[in-house]
């Protein structure tokens, strides 16, 4: 609603794109923060990061 009220008045596509980017970022944050239990990768991965995780994305 905030994006629609501020950006959506003049730039509807920008508001939709910003909302989509925020939604994807927030979902990624929830998956990395809540989705992995503390004990899952420790025996396999010393840094608690799976080997397939991209290095440019912080975990």
PDB file of N, CA and C in Angstrom:
ATOM      1  N   UNK A   1       0.817  -1.195   0.000  1.00  0.00           N
ATOM      2  CA  UNK A   1       0.000   0.000   0.000  1.00  0.00           C
ATOM      3  C   UNK A   1       0.860   1.258   0.000  1.00  0.00           C
ATOM      4  N   UNK A   2       1.965   1.224   0.717  1.00  0.00           N
ATOM      5  CA  UNK A   2       2.819   2.413   0.775  1.00  0.00           C
ATOM      6  C   UNK A   2       3.413   2.691  -0.598  1.00  0.00           C
ATOM      7  N   UNK A   3       3.912   1.630  -1.255  1.00  0.00           N
ATOM      8  CA  UNK A   3       4.495   1.827  -2.580  1.00  0.00           C
ATOM      9  C   UNK A   3       3.450   2.288  -3.583  1.00  0.00           C
ATOM     10  N   UNK A   4       2.244   1.763  -3.479  1.00  0.00           N
ATOM     11  CA  UNK A   4       1.194   2.175  -4.406  1.00  0.00           C
ATOM     12  C   UNK A   4       0.820   3.637  -4.185  1.00  0.00           C
ATOM     13  N   UNK A   5       0.797   4.063  -2.927  1.00  0.00           N
ATOM     14  CA  UNK A   5       0.432   5.451  -2.634  1.00  0.00           C
ATOM     15  C   UNK A   5       1.508   6.450  -3.007  1.00  0.00           C
ATOM     16  N   UNK A   6       2.777   6.063  -2.916  1.00  0.00           N
ATOM     17  CA  UNK A   6       3.858   7.009  -3.202  1.00  0.00           C
ATOM     18  C   UNK A   6       4.345   6.894  -4.641  1.00  0.00           C
ATOM     19  N   UNK A   7       4.742   5.707  -5.050  1.00  0.00           N
ATOM     20  CA  UNK A   7       5.245   5.533  -6.411  1.00  0.00           C
ATOM     21  C   UNK A   7       4.136   5.258  -7.416  1.00  0.00           C
ATOM     22  N   UNK A   8       3.067   4.643  -6.967  1.00  0.00           N
ATOM     23  CA  UNK A   8       2.035   4.191  -7.879  1.00  0.00           C
ATOM     24  C   UNK A   8       1.229   5.291  -8.531  1.00  0.00           C
ATOM     25  N   UNK A   9       1.245   6.473  -7.959  1.00  0.00           N
ATOM     26  CA  UNK A   9       0.478   7.568  -8.554  1.00  0.00           C
ATOM     27  C   UNK A   9       1.025   7.957  -9.919  1.00  0.00           C
ATOM     28  N   UNK A  10       2.342   7.953 -10.040  1.00  0.00           N
ATOM     29  CA  UNK A  10       2.947   8.362 -11.310  1.00  0.00           C
ATOM     30  C   UNK A  10       3.646   7.212 -12.026  1.00  0.00           C
ATOM     31  N   UNK A  11       4.227   6.313 -11.276  1.00  0.00           N
ATOM     32  CA  UNK A  11       5.019   5.239 -11.876  1.00  0.00           C
ATOM     33  C   UNK A  11       4.501   3.892 -11.373  1.00  0.00           C
ATOM     34  N   UNK A  12       3.470   3.408 -11.997  1.00  0.00           N
ATOM     35  CA  UNK A  12       2.841   2.170 -11.543  1.00  0.00           C
ATOM     36  C   UNK A  12       3.786   0.976 -11.680  1.00  0.00           C
ATOM     37  N   UNK A  13       4.496   0.885 -12.785  1.00  0.00           N
ATOM     38  CA  UNK A  13       5.422  -0.242 -12.988  1.00  0.00           C
ATOM     39  C   UNK A  13       6.574  -0.206 -11.994  1.00  0.00           C
ATOM     40  N   UNK A  14       7.039   0.980 -11.660  1.00  0.00           N
ATOM     41  CA  UNK A  14       8.114   1.101 -10.677  1.00  0.00           C
ATOM     42  C   UNK A  14       7.649   0.629  -9.310  1.00  0.00           C
ATOM     43  N   UNK A  15       6.422   0.963  -8.948  1.00  0.00           N
ATOM     44  CA  UNK A  15       5.882   0.513  -7.665  1.00  0.00           C
ATOM     45  C   UNK A  15       5.759  -1.004  -7.632  1.00  0.00           C
ATOM     46  N   UNK A  16       5.297  -1.593  -8.709  1.00  0.00           N
ATOM     47  CA  UNK A  16       5.181  -3.052  -8.770  1.00  0.00           C
ATOM     48  C   UNK A  16       6.554  -3.720  -8.736  1.00  0.00           C
ATOM     49  N   UNK A  17       7.519  -3.152  -9.460  1.00  0.00           N
ATOM     50  CA  UNK A  17       8.867  -3.717  -9.462  1.00  0.00           C
ATOM     51  C   UNK A  17       9.512  -3.602  -8.085  1.00  0.00           C
ATOM     52  N   UNK A  18       9.343  -2.460  -7.431  1.00  0.00           N
ATOM     53  CA  UNK A  18       9.911  -2.287  -6.090  1.00  0.00           C
ATOM     54  C   UNK A  18       9.263  -3.246  -5.104  1.00  0.00           C
ATOM     55  N   UNK A  19       7.971  -3.441  -5.214  1.00  0.00           N
ATOM     56  CA  UNK A  19       7.285  -4.402  -4.353  1.00  0.00           C
ATOM     57  C   UNK A  19       7.751  -5.818  -4.595  1.00  0.00           C
ATOM     58  N   UNK A  20       7.964  -6.173  -5.848  1.00  0.00           N
ATOM     59  CA  UNK A  20       8.454  -7.512  -6.177  1.00  0.00           C
ATOM     60  C   UNK A  20       9.868  -7.726  -5.651  1.00  0.00           C
ATOM     61  N   UNK A  21      10.731  -6.737  -5.828  1.00  0.00           N
ATOM     62  CA  UNK A  21      12.105  -6.848  -5.328  1.00  0.00           C
ATOM     63  C   UNK A  21      12.110  -6.988  -3.809  1.00  0.00           C
ATOM     64  N   UNK A  22      11.308  -6.188  -3.124  1.00  0.00           N
ATOM     65  CA  UNK A  22      11.247  -6.293  -1.671  1.00  0.00           C
ATOM     66  C   UNK A  22      10.719  -7.657  -1.236  1.00  0.00           C
ATOM     67  N   UNK A  23       9.709  -8.169  -1.908  1.00  0.00           N
ATOM     68  CA  UNK A  23       9.138  -9.466  -1.554  1.00  0.00           C
ATOM     69  C   UNK A  23      10.154 -10.580  -1.730  1.00  0.00           C
ATOM     70  N   UNK A  24      10.889 -10.565  -2.828  1.00  0.00           N
ATOM     71  CA  UNK A  24      11.916 -11.586  -3.057  1.00  0.00           C
ATOM     72  C   UNK A  24      13.019 -11.461  -2.015  1.00  0.00           C
ATOM     73  N   UNK A  25      13.459 -10.242  -1.726  1.00  0.00           N
ATOM     74  CA  UNK A  25      14.499 -10.044  -0.713  1.00  0.00           C
ATOM     75  C   UNK A  25      14.033 -10.524   0.647  1.00  0.00           C
ATOM     76  N   UNK A  26      12.808 -10.199   1.029  1.00  0.00           N
ATOM     77  CA  UNK A  26      12.294 -10.589   2.341  1.00  0.00           C
ATOM     78  C   UNK A  26      12.135 -12.104   2.440  1.00  0.00           C
ATOM     79  N   UNK A  27      11.678 -12.732   1.372  1.00  0.00           N
ATOM     80  CA  UNK A  27      11.559 -14.195   1.377  1.00  0.00           C
ATOM     81  C   UNK A  27      12.937 -14.834   1.503  1.00  0.00           C
ATOM     82  N   UNK A  28      13.929 -14.302   0.787  1.00  0.00           N
ATOM     83  CA  UNK A  28      15.293 -14.828   0.874  1.00  0.00           C
ATOM     84  C   UNK A  28      15.830 -14.662   2.297  1.00  0.00           C
ATOM     85  N   UNK A  29      15.560 -13.520   2.900  1.00  0.00           N
ATOM     86  CA  UNK A  29      15.984 -13.278   4.277  1.00  0.00           C
ATOM     87  C   UNK A  29      15.362 -14.297   5.227  1.00  0.00           C
ATOM     88  N   UNK A  30      14.070 -14.545   5.088  1.00  0.00           N
ATOM     89  CA  UNK A  30      13.412 -15.507   5.970  1.00  0.00           C
ATOM     90  C   UNK A  30      13.960 -16.912   5.782  1.00  0.00           C
ATOM     91  N   UNK A  31      14.237 -17.292   4.543  1.00  0.00           N
ATOM     92  CA  UNK A  31      14.782 -18.627   4.285  1.00  0.00           C
ATOM     93  C   UNK A  31      16.154 -18.768   4.920  1.00  0.00           C
ATOM     94  N   UNK A  32      17.002 -17.757   4.795  1.00  0.00           N
ATOM     95  CA  UNK A  32      18.351 -17.871   5.354  1.00  0.00           C
ATOM     96  C   UNK A  32      18.363 -17.732   6.867  1.00  0.00           C
ATOM     97  N   UNK A  33      17.481 -16.928   7.423  1.00  0.00           N
ATOM     98  CA  UNK A  33      17.500 -16.677   8.864  1.00  0.00           C
ATOM     99  C   UNK A  33      16.723 -17.727   9.637  1.00  0.00           C
ATOM    100  N   UNK A  34      15.532 -18.057   9.175  1.00  0.00           N
ATOM    101  CA  UNK A  34      14.679 -18.987   9.905  1.00  0.00           C
ATOM    102  C   UNK A  34      14.705 -20.405   9.338  1.00  0.00           C
ATOM    103  N   UNK A  35      15.030 -20.543   8.073  1.00  0.00           N
ATOM    104  CA  UNK A  35      14.903 -21.836   7.411  1.00  0.00           C
ATOM    105  C   UNK A  35      15.965 -22.848   7.763  1.00  0.00           C
ATOM    106  N   UNK A  36      17.123 -22.397   8.182  1.00  0.00           N
ATOM    107  CA  UNK A  36      18.200 -23.328   8.503  1.00  0.00           C
ATOM    108  C   UNK A  36      18.354 -23.453  10.007  1.00  0.00           C
ATOM    109  N   UNK A  37      18.184 -24.644  10.538  1.00  0.00           N
ATOM    110  CA  UNK A  37      18.427 -24.815  11.969  1.00  0.00           C
ATOM    111  C   UNK A  37      19.908 -24.627  12.294  1.00  0.00           C
ATOM    112  N   UNK A  38      20.181 -24.291  13.534  1.00  0.00           N
ATOM    113  CA  UNK A  38      21.562 -24.018  13.937  1.00  0.00           C
ATOM    114  C   UNK A  38      22.460 -25.238  13.809  1.00  0.00           C
ATOM    115  N   UNK A  39      21.925 -26.416  13.956  1.00  0.00           N
ATOM    116  CA  UNK A  39      22.768 -27.610  13.961  1.00  0.00           C
ATOM    117  C   UNK A  39      22.858 -28.295  12.607  1.00  0.00           C
ATOM    118  N   UNK A  40      22.129 -27.837  11.590  1.00  0.00           N
ATOM    119  CA  UNK A  40      22.089 -28.574  10.327  1.00  0.00           C
ATOM    120  C   UNK A  40      23.437 -28.717   9.622  1.00  0.00           C
ATOM    121  N   UNK A  41      24.063 -27.644   9.152  1.00  0.00           N
ATOM    122  CA  UNK A  41      25.252 -27.858   8.331  1.00  0.00           C
ATOM    123  C   UNK A  41      26.555 -27.989   9.111  1.00  0.00           C
ATOM    124  N   UNK A  42      26.532 -27.859  10.428  1.00  0.00           N
ATOM    125  CA  UNK A  42      27.775 -27.839  11.193  1.00  0.00           C
ATOM    126  C   UNK A  42      28.649 -29.073  10.981  1.00  0.00           C
ATOM    127  N   UNK A  43      28.131 -30.299  11.014  1.00  0.00           N
ATOM    128  CA  UNK A  43      29.021 -31.441  10.792  1.00  0.00           C
ATOM    129  C   UNK A  43      29.604 -31.481   9.380  1.00  0.00           C
ATOM    130  N   UNK A  44      28.866 -30.965   8.417  1.00  0.00           N
ATOM    131  CA  UNK A  44      29.331 -31.017   7.034  1.00  0.00           C
ATOM    132  C   UNK A  44      30.083 -29.761   6.622  1.00  0.00           C
ATOM    133  N   UNK A  45      29.655 -28.628   7.139  1.00  0.00           N
ATOM    134  CA  UNK A  45      30.217 -27.341   6.736  1.00  0.00           C
ATOM    135  C   UNK A  45      30.711 -26.599   7.971  1.00  0.00           C
ATOM    136  N   UNK A  46      31.994 -26.400   8.120  1.00  0.00           N
ATOM    137  CA  UNK A  46      32.506 -25.750   9.316  1.00  0.00           C
ATOM    138  C   UNK A  46      32.000 -24.323   9.509  1.00  0.00           C
ATOM    139  N   UNK A  47      31.736 -23.608   8.454  1.00  0.00           N
ATOM    140  CA  UNK A  47      31.282 -22.216   8.577  1.00  0.00           C
ATOM    141  C   UNK A  47      29.761 -22.116   8.608  1.00  0.00           C
ATOM    142  N   UNK A  48      29.061 -23.230   8.761  1.00  0.00           N
ATOM    143  CA  UNK A  48      27.595 -23.270   8.763  1.00  0.00           C
ATOM    144  C   UNK A  48      26.990 -22.748   7.464  1.00  0.00           C
ATOM    145  N   UNK A  49      27.700 -22.917   6.382  1.00  0.00           N
ATOM    146  CA  UNK A  49      27.193 -22.530   5.075  1.00  0.00           C
ATOM    147  C   UNK A  49      27.346 -23.737   4.156  1.00  0.00           C
ATOM    148  N   UNK A  50      26.275 -24.152   3.474  1.00  0.00           N
ATOM    149  CA  UNK A  50      26.383 -25.292   2.567  1.00  0.00           C
ATOM    150  C   UNK A  50      27.377 -25.011   1.447  1.00  0.00           C
ATOM    151  N   UNK A  51      28.032 -26.023   0.912  1.00  0.00           N
ATOM    152  CA  UNK A  51      29.033 -25.798  -0.136  1.00  0.00           C
ATOM    153  C   UNK A  51      28.449 -25.216  -1.420  1.00  0.00           C
ATOM    154  N   UNK A  52      27.172 -25.423  -1.668  1.00  0.00           N
ATOM    155  CA  UNK A  52      26.570 -24.910  -2.895  1.00  0.00           C
ATOM    156  C   UNK A  52      26.132 -23.454  -2.767  1.00  0.00           C
ATOM    157  N   UNK A  53      26.223 -22.849  -1.579  1.00  0.00           N
ATOM    158  CA  UNK A  53      25.757 -21.473  -1.361  1.00  0.00           C
ATOM    159  C   UNK A  53      26.672 -20.492  -2.083  1.00  0.00           C
ATOM    160  N   UNK A  54      26.132 -19.558  -2.875  1.00  0.00           N
ATOM    161  CA  UNK A  54      26.975 -18.586  -3.583  1.00  0.00           C
ATOM    162  C   UNK A  54      27.733 -17.689  -2.602  1.00  0.00           C
ATOM    163  N   UNK A  55      28.978 -17.405  -2.913  1.00  0.00           N
ATOM    164  CA  UNK A  55      29.818 -16.618  -2.001  1.00  0.00           C
ATOM    165  C   UNK A  55      29.419 -15.146  -1.957  1.00  0.00           C
ATOM    166  N   UNK A  56      28.748 -14.637  -3.003  1.00  0.00           N
ATOM    167  CA  UNK A  56      28.389 -13.225  -3.019  1.00  0.00           C
ATOM    168  C   UNK A  56      27.114 -12.927  -2.232  1.00  0.00           C
ATOM    169  N   UNK A  57      26.433 -13.954  -1.721  1.00  0.00           N
ATOM    170  CA  UNK A  57      25.221 -13.762  -0.927  1.00  0.00           C
ATOM    171  C   UNK A  57      25.544 -14.066   0.527  1.00  0.00           C
ATOM    172  N   UNK A  58      25.405 -13.081   1.418  1.00  0.00           N
ATOM    173  CA  UNK A  58      25.706 -13.347   2.827  1.00  0.00           C
ATOM    174  C   UNK A  58      24.674 -14.281   3.445  1.00  0.00           C
ATOM    175  N   UNK A  59      25.145 -15.112   4.337  1.00  0.00           N
ATOM    176  CA  UNK A  59      24.239 -16.056   5.002  1.00  0.00           C
ATOM    177  C   UNK A  59      24.243 -15.811   6.496  1.00  0.00           C
TER     178      UNK A  59
END
